[in-house]
Amino acid sequence: MYKALKSFGGVVSMGKGEVKDIQDDFIVADLKRAGYIEDYVEEKPEEIKPKDVEKEIPTGAKNAPVKKSTKKKK
């Protein structure tokens, strides 16, 4: 997978920031040499551990959401 550093067109066309899988090694080498693409490594989100989740979720009545009344006041 490769990420476009700037927009370009030709045998392969990409917009800036676009990620594409290019199979032809000659084209990849040419585009890299010209500064149009770079290798793209997909970043995986960090795993959330159960103990981290417990800290983020408020518990107890003090932290419970308050429901507002929809009745009109007179």
PDB file of N, CA and C in Angstrom:
ATOM      1  N   MET A   1       0.850  -1.173   0.000  1.00  0.00           N
ATOM      2  CA  MET A   1       0.000   0.000   0.000  1.00  0.00           C
ATOM      3  C   MET A   1       0.901   1.242   0.000  1.00  0.00           C
ATOM      4  N   TYR A   2       0.448   2.249  -0.734  1.00  0.00           N
ATOM      5  CA  TYR A   2       1.222   3.483  -0.868  1.00  0.00           C
ATOM      6  C   TYR A   2       0.314   4.680  -0.671  1.00  0.00           C
ATOM      7  N   LYS A   3       0.869   5.744  -0.093  1.00  0.00           N
ATOM      8  CA  LYS A   3       0.127   6.965   0.173  1.00  0.00           C
ATOM      9  C   LYS A   3       0.682   8.066  -0.721  1.00  0.00           C
ATOM     10  N   ALA A   4      -0.218   8.806  -1.375  1.00  0.00           N
ATOM     11  CA  ALA A   4       0.184   9.897  -2.253  1.00  0.00           C
ATOM     12  C   ALA A   4       0.591  11.110  -1.415  1.00  0.00           C
ATOM     13  N   LEU A   5       1.765  11.651  -1.707  1.00  0.00           N
ATOM     14  CA  LEU A   5       2.252  12.843  -1.018  1.00  0.00           C
ATOM     15  C   LEU A   5       1.722  14.104  -1.680  1.00  0.00           C
ATOM     16  N   LYS A   6       1.345  13.991  -2.962  1.00  0.00           N
ATOM     17  CA  LYS A   6       0.725  15.081  -3.711  1.00  0.00           C
ATOM     18  C   LYS A   6      -0.111  14.459  -4.817  1.00  0.00           C
ATOM     19  N   SER A   7      -1.008  15.226  -5.383  1.00  0.00           N
ATOM     20  CA  SER A   7      -1.855  14.718  -6.458  1.00  0.00           C
ATOM     21  C   SER A   7      -1.037  14.554  -7.730  1.00  0.00           C
ATOM     22  N   PHE A   8      -1.337  13.501  -8.492  1.00  0.00           N
ATOM     23  CA  PHE A   8      -0.661  13.284  -9.763  1.00  0.00           C
ATOM     24  C   PHE A   8      -1.531  12.407 -10.654  1.00  0.00           C
ATOM     25  N   GLY A   9      -1.258  12.420 -11.953  1.00  0.00           N
ATOM     26  CA  GLY A   9      -1.999  11.608 -12.902  1.00  0.00           C
ATOM     27  C   GLY A   9      -1.053  10.980 -13.904  1.00  0.00           C
ATOM     28  N   GLY A  10      -1.469   9.877 -14.480  1.00  0.00           N
ATOM     29  CA  GLY A  10      -0.676   9.145 -15.454  1.00  0.00           C
ATOM     30  C   GLY A  10      -1.202   7.727 -15.524  1.00  0.00           C
ATOM     31  N   VAL A  11      -0.310   6.765 -15.660  1.00  0.00           N
ATOM     32  CA  VAL A  11      -0.722   5.366 -15.657  1.00  0.00           C
ATOM     33  C   VAL A  11      -1.436   5.057 -14.345  1.00  0.00           C
ATOM     34  N   VAL A  12      -0.936   5.647 -13.269  1.00  0.00           N
ATOM     35  CA  VAL A  12      -1.584   5.584 -11.958  1.00  0.00           C
ATOM     36  C   VAL A  12      -1.914   7.016 -11.567  1.00  0.00           C
ATOM     37  N   SER A  13      -3.121   7.260 -11.124  1.00  0.00           N
ATOM     38  CA  SER A  13      -3.527   8.601 -10.679  1.00  0.00           C
ATOM     39  C   SER A  13      -3.983   8.529  -9.230  1.00  0.00           C
ATOM     40  N   MET A  14      -3.566   9.516  -8.439  1.00  0.00           N
ATOM     41  CA  MET A  14      -3.960   9.562  -7.034  1.00  0.00           C
ATOM     42  C   MET A  14      -4.092  11.010  -6.601  1.00  0.00           C
ATOM     43  N   GLY A  15      -4.947  11.239  -5.629  1.00  0.00           N
ATOM     44  CA  GLY A  15      -5.069  12.544  -4.997  1.00  0.00           C
ATOM     45  C   GLY A  15      -4.228  12.566  -3.726  1.00  0.00           C
ATOM     46  N   LYS A  16      -3.824  13.754  -3.304  1.00  0.00           N
ATOM     47  CA  LYS A  16      -3.000  13.885  -2.105  1.00  0.00           C
ATOM     48  C   LYS A  16      -3.678  13.186  -0.922  1.00  0.00           C
ATOM     49  N   GLY A  17      -2.918  12.336  -0.219  1.00  0.00           N
ATOM     50  CA  GLY A  17      -3.431  11.626   0.947  1.00  0.00           C
ATOM     51  C   GLY A  17      -4.121  10.315   0.625  1.00  0.00           C
ATOM     52  N   GLU A  18      -4.384  10.053  -0.645  1.00  0.00           N
ATOM     53  CA  GLU A  18      -5.058   8.812  -1.037  1.00  0.00           C
ATOM     54  C   GLU A  18      -4.125   7.621  -0.826  1.00  0.00           C
ATOM     55  N   VAL A  19      -4.696   6.488  -0.448  1.00  0.00           N
ATOM     56  CA  VAL A  19      -3.930   5.261  -0.234  1.00  0.00           C
ATOM     57  C   VAL A  19      -4.388   4.243  -1.271  1.00  0.00           C
ATOM     58  N   LYS A  20      -3.417   3.634  -1.937  1.00  0.00           N
ATOM     59  CA  LYS A  20      -3.737   2.694  -3.008  1.00  0.00           C
ATOM     60  C   LYS A  20      -2.694   1.586  -3.050  1.00  0.00           C
ATOM     61  N   ASP A  21      -3.116   0.406  -3.481  1.00  0.00           N
ATOM     62  CA  ASP A  21      -2.200  -0.713  -3.668  1.00  0.00           C
ATOM     63  C   ASP A  21      -1.759  -0.709  -5.133  1.00  0.00           C
ATOM     64  N   ILE A  22      -0.475  -0.500  -5.378  1.00  0.00           N
ATOM     65  CA  ILE A  22       0.072  -0.467  -6.730  1.00  0.00           C
ATOM     66  C   ILE A  22       0.915  -1.724  -6.903  1.00  0.00           C
ATOM     67  N   GLN A  23       0.577  -2.533  -7.893  1.00  0.00           N
ATOM     68  CA  GLN A  23       1.221  -3.836  -8.083  1.00  0.00           C
ATOM     69  C   GLN A  23       2.516  -3.774  -8.897  1.00  0.00           C
ATOM     70  N   ASP A  24       2.665  -2.779  -9.775  1.00  0.00           N
ATOM     71  CA  ASP A  24       3.811  -2.706 -10.677  1.00  0.00           C
ATOM     72  C   ASP A  24       5.024  -2.087  -9.977  1.00  0.00           C
ATOM     73  N   ASP A  25       6.067  -2.885  -9.759  1.00  0.00           N
ATOM     74  CA  ASP A  25       7.265  -2.432  -9.046  1.00  0.00           C
ATOM     75  C   ASP A  25       7.978  -1.292  -9.771  1.00  0.00           C
ATOM     76  N   PHE A  26       7.964  -1.305 -11.099  1.00  0.00           N
ATOM     77  CA  PHE A  26       8.616  -0.244 -11.873  1.00  0.00           C
ATOM     78  C   PHE A  26       7.914   1.098 -11.631  1.00  0.00           C
ATOM     79  N   ILE A  27       6.596   1.080 -11.649  1.00  0.00           N
ATOM     80  CA  ILE A  27       5.813   2.312 -11.415  1.00  0.00           C
ATOM     81  C   ILE A  27       6.023   2.796  -9.986  1.00  0.00           C
ATOM     82  N   VAL A  28       6.018   1.884  -9.027  1.00  0.00           N
ATOM     83  CA  VAL A  28       6.241   2.247  -7.625  1.00  0.00           C
ATOM     84  C   VAL A  28       7.591   2.924  -7.465  1.00  0.00           C
ATOM     85  N   ALA A  29       8.629   2.321  -8.034  1.00  0.00           N
ATOM     86  CA  ALA A  29       9.975   2.892  -7.931  1.00  0.00           C
ATOM     87  C   ALA A  29      10.037   4.279  -8.570  1.00  0.00           C
ATOM     88  N   ASP A  30       9.395   4.436  -9.729  1.00  0.00           N
ATOM     89  CA  ASP A  30       9.392   5.720 -10.429  1.00  0.00           C
ATOM     90  C   ASP A  30       8.660   6.799  -9.617  1.00  0.00           C
ATOM     91  N   LEU A  31       7.509   6.459  -9.059  1.00  0.00           N
ATOM     92  CA  LEU A  31       6.734   7.426  -8.274  1.00  0.00           C
ATOM     93  C   LEU A  31       7.448   7.801  -6.971  1.00  0.00           C
ATOM     94  N   LYS A  32       8.103   6.828  -6.350  1.00  0.00           N
ATOM     95  CA  LYS A  32       8.877   7.119  -5.134  1.00  0.00           C
ATOM     96  C   LYS A  32      10.045   8.044  -5.453  1.00  0.00           C
ATOM     97  N   ARG A  33      10.754   7.738  -6.543  1.00  0.00           N
ATOM     98  CA  ARG A  33      11.904   8.539  -6.946  1.00  0.00           C
ATOM     99  C   ARG A  33      11.483   9.993  -7.241  1.00  0.00           C
ATOM    100  N   ALA A  34      10.290  10.155  -7.792  1.00  0.00           N
ATOM    101  CA  ALA A  34       9.777  11.484  -8.122  1.00  0.00           C
ATOM    102  C   ALA A  34       9.202  12.205  -6.899  1.00  0.00           C
ATOM    103  N   GLY A  35       9.037  11.481  -5.780  1.00  0.00           N
ATOM    104  CA  GLY A  35       8.517  12.095  -4.563  1.00  0.00           C
ATOM    105  C   GLY A  35       7.000  12.198  -4.520  1.00  0.00           C
ATOM    106  N   TYR A  36       6.321  11.348  -5.299  1.00  0.00           N
ATOM    107  CA  TYR A  36       4.861  11.387  -5.339  1.00  0.00           C
ATOM    108  C   TYR A  36       4.198  10.453  -4.332  1.00  0.00           C
ATOM    109  N   ILE A  37       4.886   9.361  -3.953  1.00  0.00           N
ATOM    110  CA  ILE A  37       4.288   8.399  -3.023  1.00  0.00           C
ATOM    111  C   ILE A  37       5.293   7.983  -1.958  1.00  0.00           C
ATOM    112  N   GLU A  38       4.746   7.383  -0.895  1.00  0.00           N
ATOM    113  CA  GLU A  38       5.565   6.779   0.151  1.00  0.00           C
ATOM    114  C   GLU A  38       4.877   5.503   0.591  1.00  0.00           C
ATOM    115  N   ASP A  39       5.625   4.609   1.228  1.00  0.00           N
ATOM    116  CA  ASP A  39       5.029   3.387   1.766  1.00  0.00           C
ATOM    117  C   ASP A  39       3.996   3.765   2.818  1.00  0.00           C
ATOM    118  N   TYR A  40       2.897   3.031   2.846  1.00  0.00           N
ATOM    119  CA  TYR A  40       1.842   3.286   3.826  1.00  0.00           C
ATOM    120  C   TYR A  40       1.724   2.075   4.743  1.00  0.00           C
ATOM    121  N   VAL A  41       1.844   2.327   6.022  1.00  0.00           N
ATOM    122  CA  VAL A  41       1.660   1.277   7.019  1.00  0.00           C
ATOM    123  C   VAL A  41       0.437   1.647   7.837  1.00  0.00           C
ATOM    124  N   GLU A  42      -0.554   0.793   7.787  1.00  0.00           N
ATOM    125  CA  GLU A  42      -1.794   1.058   8.510  1.00  0.00           C
ATOM    126  C   GLU A  42      -1.545   0.957  10.002  1.00  0.00           C
ATOM    127  N   GLU A  43      -1.936   1.990  10.720  1.00  0.00           N
ATOM    128  CA  GLU A  43      -1.772   1.996  12.170  1.00  0.00           C
ATOM    129  C   GLU A  43      -2.995   1.361  12.805  1.00  0.00           C
ATOM    130  N   LYS A  44      -2.737   0.419  13.692  1.00  0.00           N
ATOM    131  CA  LYS A  44      -3.834  -0.241  14.396  1.00  0.00           C
ATOM    132  C   LYS A  44      -4.115   0.531  15.679  1.00  0.00           C
ATOM    133  N   PRO A  45      -5.388   0.751  15.990  1.00  0.00           N
ATOM    134  CA  PRO A  45      -5.703   1.449  17.242  1.00  0.00           C
ATOM    135  C   PRO A  45      -5.261   0.611  18.439  1.00  0.00           C
ATOM    136  N   GLU A  46      -4.868   1.290  19.494  1.00  0.00           N
ATOM    137  CA  GLU A  46      -4.444   0.583  20.701  1.00  0.00           C
ATOM    138  C   GLU A  46      -5.628  -0.151  21.313  1.00  0.00           C
ATOM    139  N   GLU A  47      -5.334  -1.310  21.858  1.00  0.00           N
ATOM    140  CA  GLU A  47      -6.386  -2.075  22.510  1.00  0.00           C
ATOM    141  C   GLU A  47      -6.726  -1.437  23.848  1.00  0.00           C
ATOM    142  N   ILE A  48      -8.016  -1.424  24.167  1.00  0.00           N
ATOM    143  CA  ILE A  48      -8.467  -0.889  25.451  1.00  0.00           C
ATOM    144  C   ILE A  48      -8.589  -2.075  26.407  1.00  0.00           C
ATOM    145  N   LYS A  49      -7.896  -1.979  27.494  1.00  0.00           N
ATOM    146  CA  LYS A  49      -7.934  -3.047  28.491  1.00  0.00           C
ATOM    147  C   LYS A  49      -9.162  -2.854  29.381  1.00  0.00           C
ATOM    148  N   PRO A  50      -9.757  -3.936  29.864  1.00  0.00           N
ATOM    149  CA  PRO A  50     -10.954  -3.821  30.702  1.00  0.00           C
ATOM    150  C   PRO A  50     -10.776  -2.897  31.900  1.00  0.00           C
ATOM    151  N   LYS A  51      -9.620  -2.903  32.539  1.00  0.00           N
ATOM    152  CA  LYS A  51      -9.441  -2.040  33.714  1.00  0.00           C
ATOM    153  C   LYS A  51      -9.426  -0.565  33.304  1.00  0.00           C
ATOM    154  N   ASP A  52      -8.968  -0.243  32.073  1.00  0.00           N
ATOM    155  CA  ASP A  52      -8.991   1.128  31.588  1.00  0.00           C
ATOM    156  C   ASP A  52     -10.424   1.587  31.332  1.00  0.00           C
ATOM    157  N   VAL A  53     -11.263   0.682  30.838  1.00  0.00           N
ATOM    158  CA  VAL A  53     -12.653   1.016  30.553  1.00  0.00           C
ATOM    159  C   VAL A  53     -13.387   1.354  31.839  1.00  0.00           C
ATOM    160  N   GLU A  54     -13.132   0.592  32.899  1.00  0.00           N
ATOM    161  CA  GLU A  54     -13.809   0.832  34.170  1.00  0.00           C
ATOM    162  C   GLU A  54     -13.520   2.234  34.688  1.00  0.00           C
ATOM    163  N   LYS A  55     -12.320   2.730  34.486  1.00  0.00           N
ATOM    164  CA  LYS A  55     -11.968   4.065  34.957  1.00  0.00           C
ATOM    165  C   LYS A  55     -12.704   5.146  34.184  1.00  0.00           C
ATOM    166  N   GLU A  56     -13.007   4.876  32.905  1.00  0.00           N
ATOM    167  CA  GLU A  56     -13.640   5.876  32.056  1.00  0.00           C
ATOM    168  C   GLU A  56     -15.151   5.948  32.238  1.00  0.00           C
ATOM    169  N   ILE A  57     -15.780   4.873  32.700  1.00  0.00           N
ATOM    170  CA  ILE A  57     -17.232   4.837  32.835  1.00  0.00           C
ATOM    171  C   ILE A  57     -17.617   5.234  34.255  1.00  0.00           C
ATOM    172  N   PRO A  58     -18.317   6.371  34.403  1.00  0.00           N
ATOM    173  CA  PRO A  58     -18.738   6.776  35.740  1.00  0.00           C
ATOM    174  C   PRO A  58     -19.805   5.818  36.279  1.00  0.00           C
ATOM    175  N   THR A  59     -19.756   5.560  37.568  1.00  0.00           N
ATOM    176  CA  THR A  59     -20.739   4.673  38.178  1.00  0.00           C
ATOM    177  C   THR A  59     -21.422   5.385  39.343  1.00  0.00           C
ATOM    178  N   GLY A  60     -22.580   4.892  39.707  1.00  0.00           N
ATOM    179  CA  GLY A  60     -23.300   5.449  40.847  1.00  0.00           C
ATOM    180  C   GLY A  60     -24.311   6.505  40.427  1.00  0.00           C
ATOM    181  N   ALA A  61     -25.255   6.787  41.322  1.00  0.00           N
ATOM    182  CA  ALA A  61     -26.336   7.729  41.023  1.00  0.00           C
ATOM    183  C   ALA A  61     -25.829   9.155  40.859  1.00  0.00           C
ATOM    184  N   LYS A  62     -24.731   9.510  41.509  1.00  0.00           N
ATOM    185  CA  LYS A  62     -24.220  10.880  41.416  1.00  0.00           C
ATOM    186  C   LYS A  62     -23.817  11.228  39.988  1.00  0.00           C
ATOM    187  N   ASN A  63     -23.361  10.233  39.248  1.00  0.00           N
ATOM    188  CA  ASN A  63     -22.888  10.476  37.895  1.00  0.00           C
ATOM    189  C   ASN A  63     -23.902  10.104  36.819  1.00  0.00           C
ATOM    190  N   ALA A  64     -25.082   9.647  37.233  1.00  0.00           N
ATOM    191  CA  ALA A  64     -26.095   9.242  36.261  1.00  0.00           C
ATOM    192  C   ALA A  64     -26.633  10.468  35.531  1.00  0.00           C
ATOM    193  N   PRO A  65     -26.946  10.336  34.244  1.00  0.00           N
ATOM    194  CA  PRO A  65     -27.494  11.465  33.498  1.00  0.00           C
ATOM    195  C   PRO A  65     -28.848  11.888  34.059  1.00  0.00           C
ATOM    196  N   VAL A  66     -29.106  13.163  34.053  1.00  0.00           N
ATOM    197  CA  VAL A  66     -30.361  13.699  34.570  1.00  0.00           C
ATOM    198  C   VAL A  66     -31.294  13.923  33.403  1.00  0.00           C
ATOM    199  N   LYS A  67     -32.513  13.385  33.515  1.00  0.00           N
ATOM    200  CA  LYS A  67     -33.491  13.540  32.454  1.00  0.00           C
ATOM    201  C   LYS A  67     -34.282  14.823  32.710  1.00  0.00           C
ATOM    202  N   LYS A  68     -34.312  15.687  31.705  1.00  0.00           N
ATOM    203  CA  LYS A  68     -35.041  16.936  31.840  1.00  0.00           C
ATOM    204  C   LYS A  68     -36.514  16.717  31.492  1.00  0.00           C
ATOM    205  N   SER A  69     -37.378  17.406  32.185  1.00  0.00           N
ATOM    206  CA  SER A  69     -38.800  17.293  31.947  1.00  0.00           C
ATOM    207  C   SER A  69     -39.165  18.026  30.669  1.00  0.00           C
ATOM    208  N   THR A  70     -40.113  17.470  29.909  1.00  0.00           N
ATOM    209  CA  THR A  70     -40.564  18.100  28.674  1.00  0.00           C
ATOM    210  C   THR A  70     -41.891  18.818  28.879  1.00  0.00           C
ATOM    211  N   LYS A  71     -42.396  18.805  30.126  1.00  0.00           N
ATOM    212  CA  LYS A  71     -43.654  19.504  30.413  1.00  0.00           C
ATOM    213  C   LYS A  71     -43.458  20.996  30.401  1.00  0.00           C
ATOM    214  N   LYS A  72     -44.429  21.715  29.857  1.00  0.00           N
ATOM    215  CA  LYS A  72     -44.346  23.175  29.825  1.00  0.00           C
ATOM    216  C   LYS A  72     -44.772  23.736  31.177  1.00  0.00           C
ATOM    217  N   LYS A  73     -44.052  24.759  31.617  1.00  0.00           N
ATOM    218  CA  LYS A  73     -44.417  25.429  32.873  1.00  0.00           C
ATOM    219  C   LYS A  73     -45.488  26.451  32.595  1.00  0.00           C
ATOM    220  N   LYS A  74     -46.394  26.634  33.554  1.00  0.00           N
ATOM    221  CA  LYS A  74     -47.477  27.618  33.399  1.00  0.00           C
ATOM    222  C   LYS A  74     -47.103  28.947  33.967  1.00  0.00           C
TER     223      LYS A  74
END
